[in-house]
Amino acid sequence: NQLLIALICYGRMEINPMFRATTYFPKANAALEKAKELNP
């Protein structure tokens, strides 16, 4: 479920990477880190 969140965040960034990366890249990273905690 955390990986879904990251996948969606990367999709959001595709629309306008320059402006959206600052919002969605940290969210994607946080989701990946949480996924590692749950199942490395």
All heavy atoms as atom14 arrays in JSON, in Angstrom:
{
  "sequence": "NQLLIALICYGRMEINPMFRATTYFPKANAALEKAKELNP",
  "atom14_mask": [
    [1, 1, 1, 1, 1, 1, 1, 1, 0, 0, 0, 0, 0, 0],
    [1, 1, 1, 1, 1, 1, 1, 1, 1, 0, 0, 0, 0, 0],
    [1, 1, 1, 1, 1, 1, 1, 1, 0, 0, 0, 0, 0, 0],
    [1, 1, 1, 1, 1, 1, 1, 1, 0, 0, 0, 0, 0, 0],
    [1, 1, 1, 1, 1, 1, 1, 1, 0, 0, 0, 0, 0, 0],
    [1, 1, 1, 1, 1, 0, 0, 0, 0, 0, 0, 0, 0, 0],
    [1, 1, 1, 1, 1, 1, 1, 1, 0, 0, 0, 0, 0, 0],
    [1, 1, 1, 1, 1, 1, 1, 1, 0, 0, 0, 0, 0, 0],
    [1, 1, 1, 1, 1, 1, 0, 0, 0, 0, 0, 0, 0, 0],
    [1, 1, 1, 1, 1, 1, 1, 1, 1, 1, 1, 1, 0, 0],
    [1, 1, 1, 1, 0, 0, 0, 0, 0, 0, 0, 0, 0, 0],
    [1, 1, 1, 1, 1, 1, 1, 1, 1, 1, 1, 0, 0, 0],
    [1, 1, 1, 1, 1, 1, 1, 1, 0, 0, 0, 0, 0, 0],
    [1, 1, 1, 1, 1, 1, 1, 1, 1, 0, 0, 0, 0, 0],
    [1, 1, 1, 1, 1, 1, 1, 1, 0, 0, 0, 0, 0, 0],
    [1, 1, 1, 1, 1, 1, 1, 1, 0, 0, 0, 0, 0, 0],
    [1, 1, 1, 1, 1, 1, 1, 0, 0, 0, 0, 0, 0, 0],
    [1, 1, 1, 1, 1, 1, 1, 1, 0, 0, 0, 0, 0, 0],
    [1, 1, 1, 1, 1, 1, 1, 1, 1, 1, 1, 0, 0, 0],
    [1, 1, 1, 1, 1, 1, 1, 1, 1, 1, 1, 0, 0, 0],
    [1, 1, 1, 1, 1, 0, 0, 0, 0, 0, 0, 0, 0, 0],
    [1, 1, 1, 1, 1, 1, 1, 0, 0, 0, 0, 0, 0, 0],
    [1, 1, 1, 1, 1, 1, 1, 0, 0, 0, 0, 0, 0, 0],
    [1, 1, 1, 1, 1, 1, 1, 1, 1, 1, 1, 1, 0, 0],
    [1, 1, 1, 1, 1, 1, 1, 1, 1, 1, 1, 0, 0, 0],
    [1, 1, 1, 1, 1, 1, 1, 0, 0, 0, 0, 0, 0, 0],
    [1, 1, 1, 1, 1, 1, 1, 1, 1, 0, 0, 0, 0, 0],
    [1, 1, 1, 1, 1, 0, 0, 0, 0, 0, 0, 0, 0, 0],
    [1, 1, 1, 1, 1, 1, 1, 1, 0, 0, 0, 0, 0, 0],
    [1, 1, 1, 1, 1, 0, 0, 0, 0, 0, 0, 0, 0, 0],
    [1, 1, 1, 1, 1, 0, 0, 0, 0, 0, 0, 0, 0, 0],
    [1, 1, 1, 1, 1, 1, 1, 1, 0, 0, 0, 0, 0, 0],
    [1, 1, 1, 1, 1, 1, 1, 1, 1, 0, 0, 0, 0, 0],
    [1, 1, 1, 1, 1, 1, 1, 1, 1, 0, 0, 0, 0, 0],
    [1, 1, 1, 1, 1, 0, 0, 0, 0, 0, 0, 0, 0, 0],
    [1, 1, 1, 1, 1, 1, 1, 1, 1, 0, 0, 0, 0, 0],
    [1, 1, 1, 1, 1, 1, 1, 1, 1, 0, 0, 0, 0, 0],
    [1, 1, 1, 1, 1, 1, 1, 1, 0, 0, 0, 0, 0, 0],
    [1, 1, 1, 1, 1, 1, 1, 1, 0, 0, 0, 0, 0, 0],
    [1, 1, 1, 1, 1, 1, 1, 0, 0, 0, 0, 0, 0, 0]
  ],
  "atom14_positions": [
    [[0.82, -1.2, 0.0], [0.0, 0.0, 0.0], [0.86, 1.26, 0.0], [0.48, 2.28, -0.59], [-0.95, -0.01, 1.2], [-2.04, -1.05, 1.06], [-2.5, -1.33, -0.04], [-2.45, -1.64, 2.17], [0.0, 0.0, 0.0], [0.0, 0.0, 0.0], [0.0, 0.0, 0.0], [0.0, 0.0, 0.0], [0.0, 0.0, 0.0], [0.0, 0.0, 0.0]],
    [[2.0, 1.2, 0.65], [2.93, 2.33, 0.61], [3.52, 2.5, -0.79], [3.73, 3.62, -1.26], [4.06, 2.12, 1.63], [3.59, 2.12, 3.08], [3.09, 3.48, 3.54], [3.46, 4.52, 2.98], [2.23, 3.48, 4.54], [0.0, 0.0, 0.0], [0.0, 0.0, 0.0], [0.0, 0.0, 0.0], [0.0, 0.0, 0.0], [0.0, 0.0, 0.0]],
    [[3.75, 1.38, -1.47], [4.3, 1.46, -2.82], [3.3, 2.07, -3.8], [3.68, 2.74, -4.75], [4.74, 0.07, -3.29], [5.83, -0.58, -2.44], [6.27, -1.89, -3.07], [7.03, 0.34, -2.28], [0.0, 0.0, 0.0], [0.0, 0.0, 0.0], [0.0, 0.0, 0.0], [0.0, 0.0, 0.0], [0.0, 0.0, 0.0], [0.0, 0.0, 0.0]],
    [[2.02, 1.83, -3.55], [0.99, 2.49, -4.36], [1.1, 4.01, -4.24], [0.99, 4.73, -5.24], [-0.4, 2.07, -3.89], [-1.03, 0.81, -4.45], [-2.41, 0.63, -3.85], [-1.13, 0.86, -5.97], [0.0, 0.0, 0.0], [0.0, 0.0, 0.0], [0.0, 0.0, 0.0], [0.0, 0.0, 0.0], [0.0, 0.0, 0.0], [0.0, 0.0, 0.0]],
    [[1.29, 4.48, -3.02], [1.4, 5.92, -2.79], [2.59, 6.49, -3.55], [2.49, 7.54, -4.2], [1.52, 6.21, -1.28], [0.21, 5.82, -0.58], [1.86, 7.68, -1.03], [0.28, 5.88, 0.93], [0.0, 0.0, 0.0], [0.0, 0.0, 0.0], [0.0, 0.0, 0.0], [0.0, 0.0, 0.0], [0.0, 0.0, 0.0], [0.0, 0.0, 0.0]],
    [[3.73, 5.79, -3.5], [4.91, 6.24, -4.24], [4.64, 6.24, -5.74], [5.0, 7.19, -6.45], [6.1, 5.36, -3.91], [0.0, 0.0, 0.0], [0.0, 0.0, 0.0], [0.0, 0.0, 0.0], [0.0, 0.0, 0.0], [0.0, 0.0, 0.0], [0.0, 0.0, 0.0], [0.0, 0.0, 0.0], [0.0, 0.0, 0.0], [0.0, 0.0, 0.0]],
    [[4.01, 5.19, -6.23], [3.7, 5.08, -7.65], [2.83, 6.24, -8.12], [3.06, 6.82, -9.19], [2.98, 3.74, -7.9], [2.81, 3.3, -9.35], [4.17, 2.98, -9.98], [1.9, 2.07, -9.41], [0.0, 0.0, 0.0], [0.0, 0.0, 0.0], [0.0, 0.0, 0.0], [0.0, 0.0, 0.0], [0.0, 0.0, 0.0], [0.0, 0.0, 0.0]],
    [[1.85, 6.6, -7.31], [0.96, 7.72, -7.66], [1.72, 9.04, -7.62], [1.54, 9.9, -8.48], [-0.25, 7.73, -6.7], [-1.12, 6.49, -6.95], [-1.07, 9.0, -6.88], [-2.13, 6.21, -5.85], [0.0, 0.0, 0.0], [0.0, 0.0, 0.0], [0.0, 0.0, 0.0], [0.0, 0.0, 0.0], [0.0, 0.0, 0.0], [0.0, 0.0, 0.0]],
    [[2.59, 9.2, -6.63], [3.39, 10.44, -6.55], [4.26, 10.62, -7.78], [4.36, 11.74, -8.32], [4.27, 10.41, -5.3], [3.39, 10.67, -3.74], [0.0, 0.0, 0.0], [0.0, 0.0, 0.0], [0.0, 0.0, 0.0], [0.0, 0.0, 0.0], [0.0, 0.0, 0.0], [0.0, 0.0, 0.0], [0.0, 0.0, 0.0], [0.0, 0.0, 0.0]],
    [[4.88, 9.55, -8.25], [5.71, 9.65, -9.46], [4.85, 10.02, -10.67], [5.29, 10.78, -11.54], [6.44, 8.34, -9.71], [7.49, 8.01, -8.68], [7.63, 6.72, -8.18], [8.36, 8.99, -8.21], [8.6, 6.41, -7.24], [9.32, 8.69, -7.26], [9.45, 7.4, -6.78], [10.41, 7.1, -5.84], [0.0, 0.0, 0.0], [0.0, 0.0, 0.0]],
    [[3.64, 9.5, -10.72], [2.73, 9.87, -11.79], [2.37, 11.34, -11.75], [2.28, 12.01, -12.79], [0.0, 0.0, 0.0], [0.0, 0.0, 0.0], [0.0, 0.0, 0.0], [0.0, 0.0, 0.0], [0.0, 0.0, 0.0], [0.0, 0.0, 0.0], [0.0, 0.0, 0.0], [0.0, 0.0, 0.0], [0.0, 0.0, 0.0], [0.0, 0.0, 0.0]],
    [[2.16, 11.87, -10.56], [1.85, 13.31, -10.4], [3.02, 14.16, -10.92], [2.82, 15.18, -11.57], [1.63, 13.63, -8.93], [0.49, 12.91, -8.27], [-0.85, 13.48, -8.58], [-1.86, 13.02, -7.63], [-3.15, 13.19, -7.78], [-3.63, 13.81, -8.85], [-4.0, 12.76, -6.88], [0.0, 0.0, 0.0], [0.0, 0.0, 0.0], [0.0, 0.0, 0.0]],
    [[4.23, 13.72, -10.62], [5.4, 14.5, -11.02], [5.58, 14.55, -12.53], [6.14, 15.51, -13.05], [6.66, 13.93, -10.36], [6.79, 14.29, -8.9], [8.42, 13.86, -8.21], [8.26, 12.09, -8.05], [0.0, 0.0, 0.0], [0.0, 0.0, 0.0], [0.0, 0.0, 0.0], [0.0, 0.0, 0.0], [0.0, 0.0, 0.0], [0.0, 0.0, 0.0]],
    [[5.1, 13.53, -13.23], [5.22, 13.52, -14.69], [4.52, 14.71, -15.33], [4.92, 15.16, -16.4], [4.63, 12.23, -15.25], [5.53, 11.03, -15.17], [4.99, 9.85, -15.96], [3.86, 9.97, -16.5], [5.69, 8.83, -16.04], [0.0, 0.0, 0.0], [0.0, 0.0, 0.0], [0.0, 0.0, 0.0], [0.0, 0.0, 0.0], [0.0, 0.0, 0.0]],
    [[3.48, 15.21, -14.69], [2.68, 16.29, -15.29], [3.48, 17.58, -15.36], [3.45, 18.28, -16.37], [1.37, 16.47, -14.5], [0.51, 15.2, -14.63], [0.6, 17.7, -14.99], [-0.73, 15.19, -13.76], [0.0, 0.0, 0.0], [0.0, 0.0, 0.0], [0.0, 0.0, 0.0], [0.0, 0.0, 0.0], [0.0, 0.0, 0.0], [0.0, 0.0, 0.0]],
    [[4.19, 17.89, -14.29], [5.0, 19.11, -14.27], [6.17, 18.9, -13.3], [6.11, 19.35, -12.15], [4.14, 20.32, -13.84], [4.83, 21.63, -14.13], [6.05, 21.72, -14.09], [4.06, 22.66, -14.42], [0.0, 0.0, 0.0], [0.0, 0.0, 0.0], [0.0, 0.0, 0.0], [0.0, 0.0, 0.0], [0.0, 0.0, 0.0], [0.0, 0.0, 0.0]],
    [[7.21, 18.21, -13.74], [8.3, 17.85, -12.83], [8.94, 19.02, -12.11], [9.24, 18.93, -10.91], [9.31, 17.17, -13.77], [8.52, 16.71, -14.93], [7.43, 17.72, -15.1], [0.0, 0.0, 0.0], [0.0, 0.0, 0.0], [0.0, 0.0, 0.0], [0.0, 0.0, 0.0], [0.0, 0.0, 0.0], [0.0, 0.0, 0.0], [0.0, 0.0, 0.0]],
    [[9.15, 20.12, -12.8], [9.85, 21.25, -12.2], [9.11, 21.79, -10.98], [9.71, 22.13, -9.96], [10.04, 22.36, -13.24], [10.83, 23.55, -12.72], [11.17, 24.77, -14.03], [12.23, 23.8, -15.11], [0.0, 0.0, 0.0], [0.0, 0.0, 0.0], [0.0, 0.0, 0.0], [0.0, 0.0, 0.0], [0.0, 0.0, 0.0], [0.0, 0.0, 0.0]],
    [[7.78, 21.88, -11.08], [7.0, 22.47, -9.99], [6.47, 21.43, -9.0], [6.24, 21.76, -7.84], [5.82, 23.27, -10.57], [6.24, 24.52, -11.28], [6.34, 24.55, -12.66], [6.57, 25.66, -10.58], [6.75, 25.7, -13.33], [6.99, 26.82, -11.23], [7.07, 26.83, -12.61], [0.0, 0.0, 0.0], [0.0, 0.0, 0.0], [0.0, 0.0, 0.0]],
    [[6.3, 20.2, -9.45], [5.68, 19.2, -8.58], [6.69, 18.36, -7.81], [6.33, 17.72, -6.82], [4.76, 18.29, -9.39], [3.52, 19.02, -9.89], [2.5, 18.04, -10.42], [1.22, 18.69, -10.68], [0.1, 18.04, -10.91], [0.08, 16.72, -10.93], [-1.03, 18.7, -11.12], [0.0, 0.0, 0.0], [0.0, 0.0, 0.0], [0.0, 0.0, 0.0]],
    [[7.91, 18.33, -8.26], [8.91, 17.46, -7.61], [9.1, 17.81, -6.14], [9.27, 16.92, -5.3], [10.23, 17.54, -8.35], [0.0, 0.0, 0.0], [0.0, 0.0, 0.0], [0.0, 0.0, 0.0], [0.0, 0.0, 0.0], [0.0, 0.0, 0.0], [0.0, 0.0, 0.0], [0.0, 0.0, 0.0], [0.0, 0.0, 0.0], [0.0, 0.0, 0.0]],
    [[9.08, 19.1, -5.81], [9.31, 19.52, -4.42], [8.21, 19.02, -3.49], [8.45, 18.84, -2.3], [9.42, 21.05, -4.32], [8.24, 21.65, -4.9], [10.65, 21.56, -5.04], [0.0, 0.0, 0.0], [0.0, 0.0, 0.0], [0.0, 0.0, 0.0], [0.0, 0.0, 0.0], [0.0, 0.0, 0.0], [0.0, 0.0, 0.0], [0.0, 0.0, 0.0]],
    [[7.02, 18.78, -4.04], [5.91, 18.28, -3.24], [5.87, 16.76, -3.22], [5.78, 16.13, -2.15], [4.56, 18.81, -3.77], [4.56, 20.23, -3.68], [3.4, 18.24, -2.99], [0.0, 0.0, 0.0], [0.0, 0.0, 0.0], [0.0, 0.0, 0.0], [0.0, 0.0, 0.0], [0.0, 0.0, 0.0], [0.0, 0.0, 0.0], [0.0, 0.0, 0.0]],
    [[5.96, 16.16, -4.4], [5.68, 14.73, -4.5], [6.9, 13.83, -4.34], [6.76, 12.67, -3.95], [4.97, 14.44, -5.83], [3.55, 14.97, -5.83], [3.21, 16.09, -6.58], [2.57, 14.35, -5.06], [1.91, 16.58, -6.57], [1.28, 14.84, -5.05], [0.95, 15.96, -5.8], [-0.33, 16.44, -5.77], [0.0, 0.0, 0.0], [0.0, 0.0, 0.0]],
    [[8.09, 14.35, -4.62], [9.27, 13.51, -4.44], [9.49, 13.16, -2.98], [9.73, 11.99, -2.66], [10.5, 14.19, -5.04], [11.67, 13.27, -5.21], [11.69, 12.32, -6.22], [12.75, 13.33, -4.35], [12.77, 11.45, -6.36], [13.82, 12.47, -4.48], [13.83, 11.52, -5.5], [0.0, 0.0, 0.0], [0.0, 0.0, 0.0], [0.0, 0.0, 0.0]],
    [[9.4, 14.13, -2.05], [9.53, 13.76, -0.63], [8.43, 12.8, -0.17], [8.69, 11.92, 0.66], [9.42, 15.11, 0.09], [9.84, 16.12, -0.91], [9.33, 15.6, -2.23], [0.0, 0.0, 0.0], [0.0, 0.0, 0.0], [0.0, 0.0, 0.0], [0.0, 0.0, 0.0], [0.0, 0.0, 0.0], [0.0, 0.0, 0.0], [0.0, 0.0, 0.0]],
    [[7.21, 12.96, -0.7], [6.13, 12.05, -0.33], [6.42, 10.63, -0.81], [6.17, 9.66, -0.1], [4.8, 12.55, -0.91], [4.24, 13.79, -0.23], [2.88, 14.16, -0.81], [2.28, 15.35, -0.1], [0.94, 15.71, -0.65], [0.0, 0.0, 0.0], [0.0, 0.0, 0.0], [0.0, 0.0, 0.0], [0.0, 0.0, 0.0], [0.0, 0.0, 0.0]],
    [[6.93, 10.53, -2.03], [7.28, 9.22, -2.57], [8.39, 8.58, -1.74], [8.33, 7.39, -1.4], [7.71, 9.35, -4.03], [0.0, 0.0, 0.0], [0.0, 0.0, 0.0], [0.0, 0.0, 0.0], [0.0, 0.0, 0.0], [0.0, 0.0, 0.0], [0.0, 0.0, 0.0], [0.0, 0.0, 0.0], [0.0, 0.0, 0.0], [0.0, 0.0, 0.0]],
    [[9.42, 9.36, -1.41], [10.53, 8.83, -0.6], [10.05, 8.37, 0.77], [10.49, 7.32, 1.27], [11.61, 9.89, -0.43], [12.51, 10.0, -1.64], [12.52, 9.12, -2.5], [13.27, 11.08, -1.73], [0.0, 0.0, 0.0], [0.0, 0.0, 0.0], [0.0, 0.0, 0.0], [0.0, 0.0, 0.0], [0.0, 0.0, 0.0], [0.0, 0.0, 0.0]],
    [[9.15, 9.15, 1.37], [8.63, 8.78, 2.69], [7.85, 7.47, 2.61], [7.94, 6.62, 3.51], [7.74, 9.9, 3.22], [0.0, 0.0, 0.0], [0.0, 0.0, 0.0], [0.0, 0.0, 0.0], [0.0, 0.0, 0.0], [0.0, 0.0, 0.0], [0.0, 0.0, 0.0], [0.0, 0.0, 0.0], [0.0, 0.0, 0.0], [0.0, 0.0, 0.0]],
    [[7.09, 7.29, 1.53], [6.33, 6.06, 1.35], [7.27, 4.86, 1.17], [7.04, 3.78, 1.72], [5.39, 6.19, 0.16], [0.0, 0.0, 0.0], [0.0, 0.0, 0.0], [0.0, 0.0, 0.0], [0.0, 0.0, 0.0], [0.0, 0.0, 0.0], [0.0, 0.0, 0.0], [0.0, 0.0, 0.0], [0.0, 0.0, 0.0], [0.0, 0.0, 0.0]],
    [[8.35, 5.04, 0.4], [9.32, 3.96, 0.21], [10.01, 3.6, 1.52], [10.24, 2.42, 1.81], [10.35, 4.35, -0.84], [9.85, 4.5, -2.28], [11.02, 4.88, -3.21], [9.2, 3.22, -2.77], [0.0, 0.0, 0.0], [0.0, 0.0, 0.0], [0.0, 0.0, 0.0], [0.0, 0.0, 0.0], [0.0, 0.0, 0.0], [0.0, 0.0, 0.0]],
    [[10.34, 4.6, 2.31], [10.99, 4.34, 3.6], [10.05, 3.6, 4.54], [10.47, 2.7, 5.27], [11.47, 5.65, 4.24], [12.64, 6.3, 3.52], [13.84, 5.37, 3.41], [14.19, 4.72, 4.42], [14.41, 5.26, 2.3], [0.0, 0.0, 0.0], [0.0, 0.0, 0.0], [0.0, 0.0, 0.0], [0.0, 0.0, 0.0], [0.0, 0.0, 0.0]],
    [[8.78, 3.97, 4.52], [7.8, 3.27, 5.36], [7.64, 1.82, 4.89], [7.54, 0.9, 5.71], [6.46, 4.0, 5.29], [5.37, 3.36, 6.14], [5.74, 3.33, 7.62], [4.64, 2.75, 8.47], [5.01, 2.69, 9.92], [0.0, 0.0, 0.0], [0.0, 0.0, 0.0], [0.0, 0.0, 0.0], [0.0, 0.0, 0.0], [0.0, 0.0, 0.0]],
    [[7.65, 1.62, 3.57], [7.56, 0.26, 3.03], [8.75, -0.58, 3.48], [8.6, -1.76, 3.8], [7.49, 0.31, 1.5], [0.0, 0.0, 0.0], [0.0, 0.0, 0.0], [0.0, 0.0, 0.0], [0.0, 0.0, 0.0], [0.0, 0.0, 0.0], [0.0, 0.0, 0.0], [0.0, 0.0, 0.0], [0.0, 0.0, 0.0], [0.0, 0.0, 0.0]],
    [[9.94, 0.03, 3.54], [11.13, -0.69, 4.01], [10.99, -1.1, 5.47], [11.42, -2.19, 5.87], [12.38, 0.18, 3.85], [12.85, 0.35, 2.42], [14.08, 1.24, 2.37], [14.5, 1.52, 0.93], [15.68, 2.41, 0.85], [0.0, 0.0, 0.0], [0.0, 0.0, 0.0], [0.0, 0.0, 0.0], [0.0, 0.0, 0.0], [0.0, 0.0, 0.0]],
    [[10.37, -0.24, 6.27], [10.14, -0.59, 7.67], [9.21, -1.79, 7.79], [9.4, -2.66, 8.65], [9.53, 0.61, 8.41], [10.45, 1.8, 8.59], [9.73, 2.96, 9.26], [8.65, 2.73, 9.86], [10.23, 4.09, 9.19], [0.0, 0.0, 0.0], [0.0, 0.0, 0.0], [0.0, 0.0, 0.0], [0.0, 0.0, 0.0], [0.0, 0.0, 0.0]],
    [[8.2, -1.82, 6.93], [7.19, -2.88, 7.0], [7.69, -4.19, 6.41], [7.4, -5.27, 6.92], [5.92, -2.43, 6.26], [5.17, -1.25, 6.87], [4.09, -0.76, 5.91], [4.56, -1.63, 8.21], [0.0, 0.0, 0.0], [0.0, 0.0, 0.0], [0.0, 0.0, 0.0], [0.0, 0.0, 0.0], [0.0, 0.0, 0.0], [0.0, 0.0, 0.0]],
    [[8.46, -4.1, 5.32], [8.93, -5.32, 4.65], [10.17, -5.0, 3.82], [10.08, -4.74, 2.62], [7.84, -5.9, 3.75], [8.25, -7.23, 3.13], [9.32, -7.77, 3.42], [7.41, -7.75, 2.25], [0.0, 0.0, 0.0], [0.0, 0.0, 0.0], [0.0, 0.0, 0.0], [0.0, 0.0, 0.0], [0.0, 0.0, 0.0], [0.0, 0.0, 0.0]],
    [[11.34, -5.0, 4.44], [12.57, -4.61, 3.73], [12.94, -5.55, 2.58], [13.76, -5.2, 1.74], [13.64, -4.62, 4.81], [13.1, -5.51, 5.88], [11.61, -5.32, 5.85], [0.0, 0.0, 0.0], [0.0, 0.0, 0.0], [0.0, 0.0, 0.0], [0.0, 0.0, 0.0], [0.0, 0.0, 0.0], [0.0, 0.0, 0.0], [0.0, 0.0, 0.0]]
  ]
}
